[in-house]
Amino acid sequence: MSRIGKLPIVVPKGVSVEIKENIVKVKGPKGELSQTVNPAIKVEVENGEIKISRPNDDKQNRAYHGLYRSLINNMVVGVSDGYTKTLELVGVGYRVSNQGQVLEFSLGYSHNIFMKLPTEITVETKSERNQNPIIILTCADKQLIGQVCAKIRSLRKPEPYKGKGIRFKGEVVRRKAGKTAAKK
C-alpha cells in the first residue's frame, strides 16, 4: 500500500470539495482549483476527509495512488492557506520592479527583461538600500507558482564562482574556488 496514498486528507473549515465523474473541484477562501483524476483511482469525501483508493496493485495504479493524493492535498492547502515563494536577486546592479502583473528585470544584460505573470499570482517587489532586491509571489496553485519561479530563476541562474544570480530566499549556493596564480 502506498504510504502517501493511504493517508486521508483533512478538509479544513471554509473549504468545499466537489467530485463529478473524474474531476475533483476544491473551493476555498483563496480561490478555486480543479484536477482531473484517472478513472481507475477512486476519490470519495466522508466525515470531512478525502480518501483515495486504487482497484489493484498494478504498478501504474500504485503510482497514480500517491500522485493524486499529493495533487489533491496541494489543492486543499492552496485554497485554504495559499503558497508563497520569495526570490532574491544577488549581484551588483541587479534590480526588479513591477507595474501590476508585469515584472521588469535589470540583470546585467544590454537590455531590460519584461515578464508578464498570470493573473492568479500576486506579486510584490522590495528594494531597500544595502539589501538585495526581493520578489514575493503568492498563489493558490502550487504547480503554477513553482513553474513561474523556475522561469524567473532561469533568467539568471546562480553561478558558483561569485554567487550572482536569482535564487530562492535562504538557498545555499555551492561555491567553487576560482583560478589560482601559476607557480614558477
Protein backbone atom coordinates (compact mmCIF):
# COMPACT_ATOMS: atom_id res chain seq x y z
CA MET A 1 0.00 0.00 0.00
CA SER A 2 1.25 3.47 -0.84
CA ARG A 3 2.39 5.24 2.32
CA ILE A 4 1.36 8.61 0.91
CA GLY A 5 -1.76 7.43 -0.93
CA LYS A 6 -3.42 5.79 2.08
CA LEU A 7 -3.26 8.94 4.25
CA PRO A 8 -6.60 10.77 4.40
CA ILE A 9 -6.72 14.48 3.52
CA VAL A 10 -8.38 16.58 6.23
CA VAL A 11 -10.63 19.26 4.72
CA PRO A 12 -10.38 22.50 6.78
CA LYS A 13 -13.36 24.74 7.54
CA GLY A 14 -14.33 27.06 4.70
CA VAL A 15 -13.17 24.60 2.02
CA SER A 16 -15.66 22.65 -0.10
CA VAL A 17 -14.83 19.62 -2.23
CA GLU A 18 -16.95 18.51 -5.17
CA ILE A 19 -16.35 15.31 -7.16
CA LYS A 20 -18.09 14.79 -10.53
CA GLU A 21 -17.10 11.79 -12.65
CA ASN A 22 -13.29 12.05 -12.54
CA ILE A 23 -12.89 15.78 -11.84
CA VAL A 24 -12.15 16.98 -8.30
CA LYS A 25 -13.01 20.65 -7.61
CA VAL A 26 -11.80 22.34 -4.44
CA LYS A 27 -13.13 25.76 -3.46
CA GLY A 28 -11.88 27.92 -0.60
CA PRO A 29 -11.19 31.47 0.56
CA LYS A 30 -8.05 31.82 -1.63
CA GLY A 31 -9.64 30.55 -4.86
CA GLU A 32 -10.90 27.53 -6.77
CA LEU A 33 -8.85 24.69 -8.28
CA SER A 34 -9.73 21.53 -10.20
CA GLN A 35 -7.88 18.36 -11.11
CA THR A 36 -8.78 15.54 -13.49
CA VAL A 37 -8.20 12.14 -11.88
CA ASN A 38 -7.55 8.87 -13.71
CA PRO A 39 -10.80 6.83 -13.81
CA ALA A 40 -9.07 3.84 -12.14
CA ILE A 41 -8.49 5.84 -8.93
CA LYS A 42 -11.48 6.26 -6.61
CA VAL A 43 -11.84 9.56 -4.70
CA GLU A 44 -14.52 9.97 -2.02
CA VAL A 45 -15.35 12.53 0.67
CA GLU A 46 -16.67 11.35 4.04
CA ASN A 47 -16.67 12.90 7.53
CA GLY A 48 -14.64 15.94 6.43
CA GLU A 49 -11.87 13.79 4.93
CA ILE A 50 -10.90 12.92 1.37
CA LYS A 51 -9.91 9.29 0.86
CA ILE A 52 -8.20 7.94 -2.24
CA SER A 53 -8.18 4.24 -3.11
CA ARG A 54 -7.00 2.08 -6.01
CA PRO A 55 -8.58 -1.03 -7.51
CA ASN A 56 -5.48 -3.25 -7.58
CA ASP A 57 -1.73 -3.29 -7.11
CA ASP A 58 -0.69 -2.72 -10.73
CA LYS A 59 2.46 -0.63 -10.99
CA GLN A 60 0.64 2.22 -12.76
CA ASN A 61 -2.22 2.28 -10.21
CA ARG A 62 0.28 2.35 -7.33
CA ALA A 63 1.98 5.35 -8.92
CA TYR A 64 -1.33 7.17 -9.53
CA HIS A 65 -2.46 6.47 -5.95
CA GLY A 66 0.28 8.57 -4.34
CA LEU A 67 0.34 11.13 -7.16
CA TYR A 68 -3.33 12.08 -6.99
CA ARG A 69 -3.31 12.13 -3.20
CA SER A 70 -0.44 14.66 -3.29
CA LEU A 71 -2.07 16.77 -6.02
CA ILE A 72 -5.41 16.94 -4.19
CA ASN A 73 -3.67 17.71 -0.88
CA ASN A 74 -1.76 20.57 -2.57
CA MET A 75 -5.07 21.92 -3.89
CA VAL A 76 -6.69 21.82 -0.42
CA VAL A 77 -3.70 23.56 1.21
CA GLY A 78 -3.57 26.11 -1.64
CA VAL A 79 -7.20 27.23 -1.42
CA SER A 80 -7.11 27.42 2.39
CA ASP A 81 -3.63 28.86 3.15
CA GLY A 82 -2.02 29.60 -0.22
CA TYR A 83 1.63 29.28 -1.24
CA THR A 84 4.31 31.96 -1.01
CA LYS A 85 7.72 31.89 -2.69
CA THR A 86 10.43 34.51 -2.12
CA LEU A 87 13.17 35.10 -4.69
CA GLU A 88 16.28 37.19 -4.13
CA LEU A 89 18.46 38.94 -6.77
CA VAL A 90 22.15 38.75 -5.84
CA GLY A 91 24.55 40.85 -7.89
CA VAL A 92 25.77 44.41 -8.33
CA GLY A 93 23.23 46.47 -10.29
CA TYR A 94 20.57 43.74 -10.38
CA ARG A 95 17.14 45.35 -9.98
CA VAL A 96 13.49 44.38 -10.28
CA SER A 97 10.28 46.39 -10.27
CA ASN A 98 6.67 45.65 -11.05
CA GLN A 99 3.78 47.55 -12.63
CA GLY A 100 0.74 45.39 -11.92
CA GLN A 101 1.41 41.90 -13.30
CA VAL A 102 4.49 42.90 -15.33
CA LEU A 103 7.96 42.43 -13.81
CA GLU A 104 10.89 44.45 -15.17
CA PHE A 105 14.33 42.96 -14.55
CA SER A 106 17.72 44.62 -14.92
CA LEU A 107 20.14 41.67 -14.74
CA GLY A 108 23.34 42.92 -16.34
CA TYR A 109 22.29 42.25 -19.92
CA SER A 110 22.32 45.00 -22.57
CA HIS A 111 18.54 45.33 -22.22
CA ASN A 112 15.86 45.07 -19.54
CA ILE A 113 13.70 41.93 -19.43
CA PHE A 114 9.92 42.23 -19.09
CA MET A 115 7.85 39.29 -17.85
CA LYS A 116 4.04 39.16 -17.68
CA LEU A 117 2.74 37.00 -14.83
CA PRO A 118 -0.54 35.02 -14.81
CA THR A 119 -3.49 36.77 -13.15
CA GLU A 120 -3.73 34.07 -10.43
CA ILE A 121 -0.38 35.18 -8.95
CA THR A 122 0.01 38.26 -6.77
CA VAL A 123 3.46 39.83 -6.87
CA GLU A 124 5.31 42.25 -4.61
CA THR A 125 8.83 43.62 -5.07
CA LYS A 126 11.06 45.16 -2.40
CA SER A 127 14.22 47.16 -3.00
CA GLU A 128 15.90 48.54 0.12
CA ARG A 129 19.25 50.25 0.38
CA ASN A 130 22.16 47.87 1.10
CA GLN A 131 19.82 44.87 0.68
CA ASN A 132 19.31 42.51 -2.25
CA PRO A 133 16.09 43.14 -4.25
CA ILE A 134 13.33 40.67 -3.33
CA ILE A 135 10.35 39.28 -5.27
CA ILE A 136 7.45 37.81 -3.25
CA LEU A 137 5.00 35.64 -5.20
CA THR A 138 1.73 34.36 -3.72
CA CYS A 139 -0.75 31.93 -5.33
CA ALA A 140 -3.20 29.14 -4.50
CA ASP A 141 -1.84 26.81 -7.22
CA LYS A 142 1.45 25.16 -6.17
CA GLN A 143 2.25 23.93 -9.68
CA LEU A 144 1.74 27.36 -11.25
CA ILE A 145 3.83 29.26 -8.69
CA GLY A 146 6.63 26.69 -8.99
CA GLN A 147 6.64 27.00 -12.79
CA VAL A 148 6.75 30.82 -12.65
CA CYS A 149 9.59 30.75 -10.08
CA ALA A 150 11.56 28.37 -12.31
CA LYS A 151 11.03 30.68 -15.30
CA ILE A 152 12.18 33.76 -13.33
CA ARG A 153 15.19 31.88 -11.96
CA SER A 154 16.20 30.73 -15.47
CA LEU A 155 16.74 34.38 -16.49
CA ARG A 156 19.96 34.42 -14.43
CA LYS A 157 20.75 31.20 -12.55
CA PRO A 158 23.09 31.46 -9.52
CA GLU A 159 26.64 30.83 -10.66
CA PRO A 160 29.15 29.00 -8.43
CA TYR A 161 32.12 31.41 -8.60
CA LYS A 162 30.73 34.72 -7.35
CA GLY A 163 27.25 33.51 -6.30
CA LYS A 164 25.48 36.07 -8.51
CA GLY A 165 22.02 35.36 -9.92
CA ILE A 166 18.39 34.85 -8.92
CA ARG A 167 17.90 32.43 -6.05
CA PHE A 168 15.26 31.43 -3.51
CA LYS A 169 15.47 33.23 -0.18
CA GLY A 170 17.65 31.16 2.15
CA GLU A 171 19.00 28.94 -0.66
CA VAL A 172 22.64 27.98 -0.26
CA VAL A 173 24.66 28.15 -3.48
CA ARG A 174 27.66 25.84 -3.54
CA ARG A 175 30.74 27.95 -4.24
CA LYS A 176 33.82 26.93 -6.20
CA ALA A 177 37.34 28.26 -5.92
CA GLY A 178 38.40 30.40 -8.87
CA LYS A 179 41.66 30.29 -10.79
CA THR A 180 44.90 30.46 -8.81
CA ALA A 181 48.17 32.05 -9.93
CA ALA A 182 50.54 29.72 -11.77
CA LYS A 183 53.59 28.59 -9.81
CA LYS A 184 57.02 29.29 -11.36
